[in-house]
């Protein structure tokens, strides 16, 4: 049923953002199909869940904290395949400085229904804007 598929795909996107916010590279990679692809900022694709997890481990290792929000999702389901587009906003503090990084962009996704449920077959991350700025940071 398509309504259930929409709900499962929305949950897939939420699981990814939650894993990113918890800085959990294993959970971030787990939402990709085994031979899934990640393309970020026009670079060559990272292919396969293991390679994607390795990339996430490196990037999360440099981050003190991260908040990612994916919103305004548009989903088109065609059988066992779907496409989606999301606006993504992130705020992050890297371990190597006191500046806060702001990122705005979009994900363009291809999802596939698998025995594990809906997974990302491909995610393309596109940057619209990015900046670093001084901020008075307080952690609770």
C-alpha atoms as a PDB file:
ATOM      1  CA  UNK A   1       0.000   0.000   0.000  1.00  0.00           C
ATOM      2  CA  UNK A   2       1.415   3.394  -0.960  1.00  0.00           C
ATOM      3  CA  UNK A   3       0.469   5.176   2.281  1.00  0.00           C
ATOM      4  CA  UNK A   4       2.481   2.628   4.273  1.00  0.00           C
ATOM      5  CA  UNK A   5       5.369   3.001   1.809  1.00  0.00           C
ATOM      6  CA  UNK A   6       5.363   6.784   2.323  1.00  0.00           C
ATOM      7  CA  UNK A   7       5.476   6.269   6.079  1.00  0.00           C
ATOM      8  CA  UNK A   8       8.336   3.759   5.801  1.00  0.00           C
ATOM      9  CA  UNK A   9      10.337   6.055   3.504  1.00  0.00           C
ATOM     10  CA  UNK A  10       9.802   9.031   5.842  1.00  0.00           C
ATOM     11  CA  UNK A  11      11.022   6.799   8.688  1.00  0.00           C
ATOM     12  CA  UNK A  12      14.087   5.831   6.618  1.00  0.00           C
ATOM     13  CA  UNK A  13      15.024   9.491   6.198  1.00  0.00           C
ATOM     14  CA  UNK A  14      14.381  10.131   9.904  1.00  0.00           C
ATOM     15  CA  UNK A  15      16.553   7.130  10.903  1.00  0.00           C
ATOM     16  CA  UNK A  16      19.419   8.561   8.882  1.00  0.00           C
ATOM     17  CA  UNK A  17      19.143  12.053  10.381  1.00  0.00           C
ATOM     18  CA  UNK A  18      18.811  10.581  13.879  1.00  0.00           C
ATOM     19  CA  UNK A  19      21.935   8.471  13.337  1.00  0.00           C
ATOM     20  CA  UNK A  20      23.810  11.536  12.037  1.00  0.00           C
ATOM     21  CA  UNK A  21      22.692  13.567  15.061  1.00  0.00           C
ATOM     22  CA  UNK A  22      23.927  10.785  17.351  1.00  0.00           C
ATOM     23  CA  UNK A  23      27.154  10.612  15.309  1.00  0.00           C
ATOM     24  CA  UNK A  24      26.664   6.876  14.735  1.00  0.00           C
ATOM     25  CA  UNK A  25      28.397   5.954  11.450  1.00  0.00           C
ATOM     26  CA  UNK A  26      27.261   2.318  11.655  1.00  0.00           C
ATOM     27  CA  UNK A  27      23.591   3.325  11.866  1.00  0.00           C
ATOM     28  CA  UNK A  28      24.119   6.009   9.191  1.00  0.00           C
ATOM     29  CA  UNK A  29      25.449   3.408   6.745  1.00  0.00           C
ATOM     30  CA  UNK A  30      22.854   0.781   7.714  1.00  0.00           C
ATOM     31  CA  UNK A  31      20.094   2.687   5.867  1.00  0.00           C
ATOM     32  CA  UNK A  32      21.906   2.103   2.553  1.00  0.00           C
ATOM     33  CA  UNK A  33      21.378  -0.961   0.364  1.00  0.00           C
ATOM     34  CA  UNK A  34      24.427  -3.284   0.447  1.00  0.00           C
ATOM     35  CA  UNK A  35      25.676  -1.855  -2.884  1.00  0.00           C
ATOM     36  CA  UNK A  36      24.232   1.619  -2.303  1.00  0.00           C
ATOM     37  CA  UNK A  37      25.926   4.768  -3.538  1.00  0.00           C
ATOM     38  CA  UNK A  38      26.628   8.111  -1.868  1.00  0.00           C
ATOM     39  CA  UNK A  39      27.560  11.070  -4.042  1.00  0.00           C
ATOM     40  CA  UNK A  40      28.454  14.245  -2.151  1.00  0.00           C
ATOM     41  CA  UNK A  41      29.249  17.656  -3.651  1.00  0.00           C
ATOM     42  CA  UNK A  42      29.838  16.237  -7.144  1.00  0.00           C
ATOM     43  CA  UNK A  43      32.669  13.949  -6.038  1.00  0.00           C
ATOM     44  CA  UNK A  44      33.086  10.383  -7.248  1.00  0.00           C
ATOM     45  CA  UNK A  45      30.533   8.040  -5.658  1.00  0.00           C
ATOM     46  CA  UNK A  46      31.253   6.014  -2.570  1.00  0.00           C
ATOM     47  CA  UNK A  47      29.873   2.567  -3.351  1.00  0.00           C
ATOM     48  CA  UNK A  48      28.819  -0.092  -0.872  1.00  0.00           C
ATOM     49  CA  UNK A  49      27.665   0.038   2.716  1.00  0.00           C
ATOM     50  CA  UNK A  50      31.166  -0.695   4.068  1.00  0.00           C
ATOM     51  CA  UNK A  51      32.806   2.140   2.116  1.00  0.00           C
ATOM     52  CA  UNK A  52      29.999   4.541   3.071  1.00  0.00           C
ATOM     53  CA  UNK A  53      30.418   3.584   6.732  1.00  0.00           C
ATOM     54  CA  UNK A  54      34.167   4.208   6.456  1.00  0.00           C
ATOM     55  CA  UNK A  55      33.526   7.701   5.051  1.00  0.00           C
ATOM     56  CA  UNK A  56      31.033   8.445   7.841  1.00  0.00           C
ATOM     57  CA  UNK A  57      33.471   7.218  10.507  1.00  0.00           C
ATOM     58  CA  UNK A  58      36.055   9.691   9.228  1.00  0.00           C
ATOM     59  CA  UNK A  59      33.678  12.629   9.054  1.00  0.00           C
ATOM     60  CA  UNK A  60      31.965  11.926  12.397  1.00  0.00           C
ATOM     61  CA  UNK A  61      35.379  11.555  14.032  1.00  0.00           C
ATOM     62  CA  UNK A  62      36.048  15.234  13.295  1.00  0.00           C
ATOM     63  CA  UNK A  63      32.734  16.497  14.681  1.00  0.00           C
ATOM     64  CA  UNK A  64      32.071  17.416  18.315  1.00  0.00           C
ATOM     65  CA  UNK A  65      28.330  17.640  17.698  1.00  0.00           C
ATOM     66  CA  UNK A  66      25.917  17.835  14.804  1.00  0.00           C
ATOM     67  CA  UNK A  67      22.281  18.693  14.285  1.00  0.00           C
ATOM     68  CA  UNK A  68      20.763  17.700  10.946  1.00  0.00           C
ATOM     69  CA  UNK A  69      17.211  18.434   9.852  1.00  0.00           C
ATOM     70  CA  UNK A  70      15.691  16.975   6.676  1.00  0.00           C
ATOM     71  CA  UNK A  71      12.383  18.496   5.645  1.00  0.00           C
ATOM     72  CA  UNK A  72      10.005  19.191   2.772  1.00  0.00           C
ATOM     73  CA  UNK A  73      10.298  15.673   1.405  1.00  0.00           C
ATOM     74  CA  UNK A  74       8.831  14.881  -1.986  1.00  0.00           C
ATOM     75  CA  UNK A  75       8.399  11.145  -2.653  1.00  0.00           C
ATOM     76  CA  UNK A  76       7.458   9.350  -5.869  1.00  0.00           C
ATOM     77  CA  UNK A  77       6.876   5.598  -5.516  1.00  0.00           C
ATOM     78  CA  UNK A  78       6.907   3.285  -8.523  1.00  0.00           C
ATOM     79  CA  UNK A  79       6.508  -0.297  -7.307  1.00  0.00           C
ATOM     80  CA  UNK A  80       9.632  -1.385  -5.430  1.00  0.00           C
ATOM     81  CA  UNK A  81      11.516   1.806  -6.327  1.00  0.00           C
ATOM     82  CA  UNK A  82      11.064   5.366  -5.162  1.00  0.00           C
ATOM     83  CA  UNK A  83      12.706   8.730  -5.601  1.00  0.00           C
ATOM     84  CA  UNK A  84      12.763  11.536  -3.078  1.00  0.00           C
ATOM     85  CA  UNK A  85      14.098  15.030  -2.595  1.00  0.00           C
ATOM     86  CA  UNK A  86      14.685  16.654   0.806  1.00  0.00           C
ATOM     87  CA  UNK A  87      15.931  19.983   2.030  1.00  0.00           C
ATOM     88  CA  UNK A  88      18.754  19.443   4.513  1.00  0.00           C
ATOM     89  CA  UNK A  89      20.033  21.901   7.104  1.00  0.00           C
ATOM     90  CA  UNK A  90      22.934  21.154   9.431  1.00  0.00           C
ATOM     91  CA  UNK A  91      24.722  22.893  12.241  1.00  0.00           C
ATOM     92  CA  UNK A  92      27.975  21.328  13.399  1.00  0.00           C
ATOM     93  CA  UNK A  93      30.892  22.101  15.643  1.00  0.00           C
ATOM     94  CA  UNK A  94      34.148  20.500  14.640  1.00  0.00           C
ATOM     95  CA  UNK A  95      36.674  19.392  17.232  1.00  0.00           C
ATOM     96  CA  UNK A  96      39.410  21.518  15.663  1.00  0.00           C
ATOM     97  CA  UNK A  97      37.916  24.926  16.387  1.00  0.00           C
ATOM     98  CA  UNK A  98      35.351  27.133  18.045  1.00  0.00           C
ATOM     99  CA  UNK A  99      33.351  28.011  14.944  1.00  0.00           C
ATOM    100  CA  UNK A 100      29.938  26.666  14.121  1.00  0.00           C
ATOM    101  CA  UNK A 101      29.425  25.341  10.595  1.00  0.00           C
ATOM    102  CA  UNK A 102      26.099  25.975   8.874  1.00  0.00           C
ATOM    103  CA  UNK A 103      25.190  23.841   5.857  1.00  0.00           C
ATOM    104  CA  UNK A 104      22.148  24.019   3.634  1.00  0.00           C
ATOM    105  CA  UNK A 105      21.464  21.803   0.666  1.00  0.00           C
ATOM    106  CA  UNK A 106      19.413  18.913  -0.575  1.00  0.00           C
ATOM    107  CA  UNK A 107      19.393  15.158  -0.855  1.00  0.00           C
ATOM    108  CA  UNK A 108      18.206  13.590  -4.088  1.00  0.00           C
ATOM    109  CA  UNK A 109      17.486   9.952  -3.313  1.00  0.00           C
ATOM    110  CA  UNK A 110      16.684   6.690  -4.992  1.00  0.00           C
ATOM    111  CA  UNK A 111      15.218   4.126  -2.606  1.00  0.00           C
ATOM    112  CA  UNK A 112      14.568   0.421  -3.112  1.00  0.00           C
ATOM    113  CA  UNK A 113      12.277  -1.960  -1.260  1.00  0.00           C
ATOM    114  CA  UNK A 114      14.352  -4.880   0.053  1.00  0.00           C
ATOM    115  CA  UNK A 115      13.699  -7.778   2.442  1.00  0.00           C
ATOM    116  CA  UNK A 116      15.123  -5.407   5.119  1.00  0.00           C
ATOM    117  CA  UNK A 117      12.577  -2.728   4.142  1.00  0.00           C
ATOM    118  CA  UNK A 118      13.118   0.497   2.208  1.00  0.00           C
ATOM    119  CA  UNK A 119      16.814   1.444   1.859  1.00  0.00           C
ATOM    120  CA  UNK A 120      18.784   4.076  -0.006  1.00  0.00           C
ATOM    121  CA  UNK A 121      20.085   2.791  -3.319  1.00  0.00           C
ATOM    122  CA  UNK A 122      21.617   6.190  -4.013  1.00  0.00           C
ATOM    123  CA  UNK A 123      21.859   9.524  -2.190  1.00  0.00           C
ATOM    124  CA  UNK A 124      23.167  12.643  -3.855  1.00  0.00           C
ATOM    125  CA  UNK A 125      24.011  15.448  -1.448  1.00  0.00           C
ATOM    126  CA  UNK A 126      24.069  18.888  -3.034  1.00  0.00           C
ATOM    127  CA  UNK A 127      25.288  22.024  -1.283  1.00  0.00           C
ATOM    128  CA  UNK A 128      23.353  25.272  -1.633  1.00  0.00           C
ATOM    129  CA  UNK A 129      25.218  27.263   1.028  1.00  0.00           C
ATOM    130  CA  UNK A 130      27.817  26.700   3.705  1.00  0.00           C
ATOM    131  CA  UNK A 131      29.424  29.047   6.211  1.00  0.00           C
ATOM    132  CA  UNK A 132      31.455  29.019   9.396  1.00  0.00           C
ATOM    133  CA  UNK A 133      30.836  31.631  11.997  1.00  0.00           C
ATOM    134  CA  UNK A 134      31.753  32.591  15.536  1.00  0.00           C
ATOM    135  CA  UNK A 135      29.140  31.691  18.099  1.00  0.00           C
ATOM    136  CA  UNK A 136      28.757  31.578  21.838  1.00  0.00           C
ATOM    137  CA  UNK A 137      28.317  27.855  22.284  1.00  0.00           C
ATOM    138  CA  UNK A 138      26.771  26.256  25.346  1.00  0.00           C
ATOM    139  CA  UNK A 139      26.313  22.557  25.797  1.00  0.00           C
ATOM    140  CA  UNK A 140      23.796  21.249  28.290  1.00  0.00           C
END
